[in-house]
Amino acid sequence: DAAVAALRAGAPLAPTLDAARATILAGGFAEVEYLELRRAEDLAPLEALTAPARLLAAAWIGGVRLIDNFAAPL
């Protein structure tokens, strides 16, 4: 995933998530409900990739809510 690769390369969180949201919406989704970086161990919010993490997402397309998560290792 491009967002995870950017975060691993040291990109700042907010602009990286903004770009990922734009990519999701450009792919035909109507709404991004959430896109968050959370610590893998306990799902605590992270402001940067400082621990093994998960990138959590929920988005709507065609009246269906899709959820997914991506590993974001250090």
C-alpha atoms as a PDB file:
ATOM      1  CA  ASP A   1       0.000   0.000   0.000  1.00  0.00           C
ATOM      2  CA  ALA A   2       1.345   3.419  -0.936  1.00  0.00           C
ATOM      3  CA  ALA A   3       0.347   5.050   2.365  1.00  0.00           C
ATOM      4  CA  VAL A   4       2.183   2.430   4.417  1.00  0.00           C
ATOM      5  CA  ALA A   5       5.262   2.767   2.189  1.00  0.00           C
ATOM      6  CA  ALA A   6       5.177   6.551   2.590  1.00  0.00           C
ATOM      7  CA  LEU A   7       4.879   6.304   6.368  1.00  0.00           C
ATOM      8  CA  ARG A   8       7.753   3.815   6.508  1.00  0.00           C
ATOM      9  CA  ALA A   9       9.839   6.292   4.510  1.00  0.00           C
ATOM     10  CA  GLY A  10       9.162   8.970   7.131  1.00  0.00           C
ATOM     11  CA  ALA A  11       6.319  10.916   5.509  1.00  0.00           C
ATOM     12  CA  PRO A  12       4.156  12.929   7.924  1.00  0.00           C
ATOM     13  CA  LEU A  13       0.914  11.243   8.916  1.00  0.00           C
ATOM     14  CA  ALA A  14      -1.764  13.849   8.093  1.00  0.00           C
ATOM     15  CA  PRO A  15      -0.737  14.535   4.468  1.00  0.00           C
ATOM     16  CA  THR A  16      -0.182  10.824   3.873  1.00  0.00           C
ATOM     17  CA  LEU A  17      -3.677   9.962   5.097  1.00  0.00           C
ATOM     18  CA  ASP A  18      -5.137  12.861   3.082  1.00  0.00           C
ATOM     19  CA  ALA A  19      -3.519  11.475  -0.075  1.00  0.00           C
ATOM     20  CA  ALA A  20      -4.776   7.969   0.715  1.00  0.00           C
ATOM     21  CA  ARG A  21      -8.324   9.288   1.228  1.00  0.00           C
ATOM     22  CA  ALA A  22      -8.140  11.068  -2.137  1.00  0.00           C
ATOM     23  CA  THR A  23      -6.974   7.852  -3.812  1.00  0.00           C
ATOM     24  CA  ILE A  24      -9.835   5.871  -2.266  1.00  0.00           C
ATOM     25  CA  LEU A  25     -12.391   8.458  -3.389  1.00  0.00           C
ATOM     26  CA  ALA A  26     -10.872   8.574  -6.885  1.00  0.00           C
ATOM     27  CA  GLY A  27     -11.375   4.810  -7.017  1.00  0.00           C
ATOM     28  CA  GLY A  28     -15.138   5.265  -6.944  1.00  0.00           C
ATOM     29  CA  PHE A  29     -15.891   5.233  -3.238  1.00  0.00           C
ATOM     30  CA  ALA A  30     -18.547   7.701  -2.105  1.00  0.00           C
ATOM     31  CA  GLU A  31     -17.149   8.341   1.391  1.00  0.00           C
ATOM     32  CA  VAL A  32     -14.178   7.443   3.550  1.00  0.00           C
ATOM     33  CA  GLU A  33     -15.628   6.921   7.008  1.00  0.00           C
ATOM     34  CA  TYR A  34     -12.244   6.612   8.688  1.00  0.00           C
ATOM     35  CA  LEU A  35      -8.588   6.057   7.877  1.00  0.00           C
ATOM     36  CA  GLU A  36      -6.389   5.827  10.974  1.00  0.00           C
ATOM     37  CA  LEU A  37      -2.975   4.643  12.066  1.00  0.00           C
ATOM     38  CA  ARG A  38      -3.165   2.524  15.216  1.00  0.00           C
ATOM     39  CA  ARG A  39      -0.539   0.646  17.224  1.00  0.00           C
ATOM     40  CA  ALA A  40      -0.755  -3.065  16.387  1.00  0.00           C
ATOM     41  CA  GLU A  41      -0.375  -4.193  19.988  1.00  0.00           C
ATOM     42  CA  ASP A  42      -3.393  -2.403  21.469  1.00  0.00           C
ATOM     43  CA  LEU A  43      -4.903  -0.251  18.662  1.00  0.00           C
ATOM     44  CA  ALA A  44      -3.948   2.983  20.439  1.00  0.00           C
ATOM     45  CA  PRO A  45      -3.848   5.969  18.047  1.00  0.00           C
ATOM     46  CA  LEU A  46      -0.459   6.910  16.607  1.00  0.00           C
ATOM     47  CA  GLU A  47       0.679  10.271  15.230  1.00  0.00           C
ATOM     48  CA  ALA A  48       3.638   8.692  13.403  1.00  0.00           C
ATOM     49  CA  LEU A  49       4.908   5.231  12.563  1.00  0.00           C
ATOM     50  CA  THR A  50       6.871   4.765  15.792  1.00  0.00           C
ATOM     51  CA  ALA A  51       5.772   1.194  16.565  1.00  0.00           C
ATOM     52  CA  PRO A  52       4.406  -1.753  14.592  1.00  0.00           C
ATOM     53  CA  ALA A  53       0.998  -0.538  13.477  1.00  0.00           C
ATOM     54  CA  ARG A  54      -2.140  -1.159  11.449  1.00  0.00           C
ATOM     55  CA  LEU A  55      -3.694   1.262   9.011  1.00  0.00           C
ATOM     56  CA  LEU A  56      -7.462   0.905   9.535  1.00  0.00           C
ATOM     57  CA  ALA A  57     -10.004   2.000   6.925  1.00  0.00           C
ATOM     58  CA  ALA A  58     -13.735   2.034   6.330  1.00  0.00           C
ATOM     59  CA  ALA A  59     -15.298   3.411   3.154  1.00  0.00           C
ATOM     60  CA  TRP A  60     -18.640   3.344   1.384  1.00  0.00           C
ATOM     61  CA  ILE A  61     -19.280   2.283  -2.208  1.00  0.00           C
ATOM     62  CA  GLY A  62     -22.669   1.538  -3.750  1.00  0.00           C
ATOM     63  CA  GLY A  63     -24.410   1.513  -0.370  1.00  0.00           C
ATOM     64  CA  VAL A  64     -21.937  -1.045   1.026  1.00  0.00           C
ATOM     65  CA  ARG A  65     -19.538  -0.302   3.869  1.00  0.00           C
ATOM     66  CA  LEU A  66     -16.172  -1.952   3.335  1.00  0.00           C
ATOM     67  CA  ILE A  67     -13.601  -2.240   6.099  1.00  0.00           C
ATOM     68  CA  ASP A  68      -9.972  -3.291   5.844  1.00  0.00           C
ATOM     69  CA  ASN A  69      -6.648  -2.967   7.567  1.00  0.00           C
ATOM     70  CA  PHE A  70      -3.049  -3.061   6.448  1.00  0.00           C
ATOM     71  CA  ALA A  71       0.062  -3.995   8.370  1.00  0.00           C
ATOM     72  CA  ALA A  72       2.431  -1.080   8.869  1.00  0.00           C
ATOM     73  CA  PRO A  73       5.658  -2.568  10.187  1.00  0.00           C
ATOM     74  CA  LEU A  74       8.604  -0.371  11.128  1.00  0.00           C
END
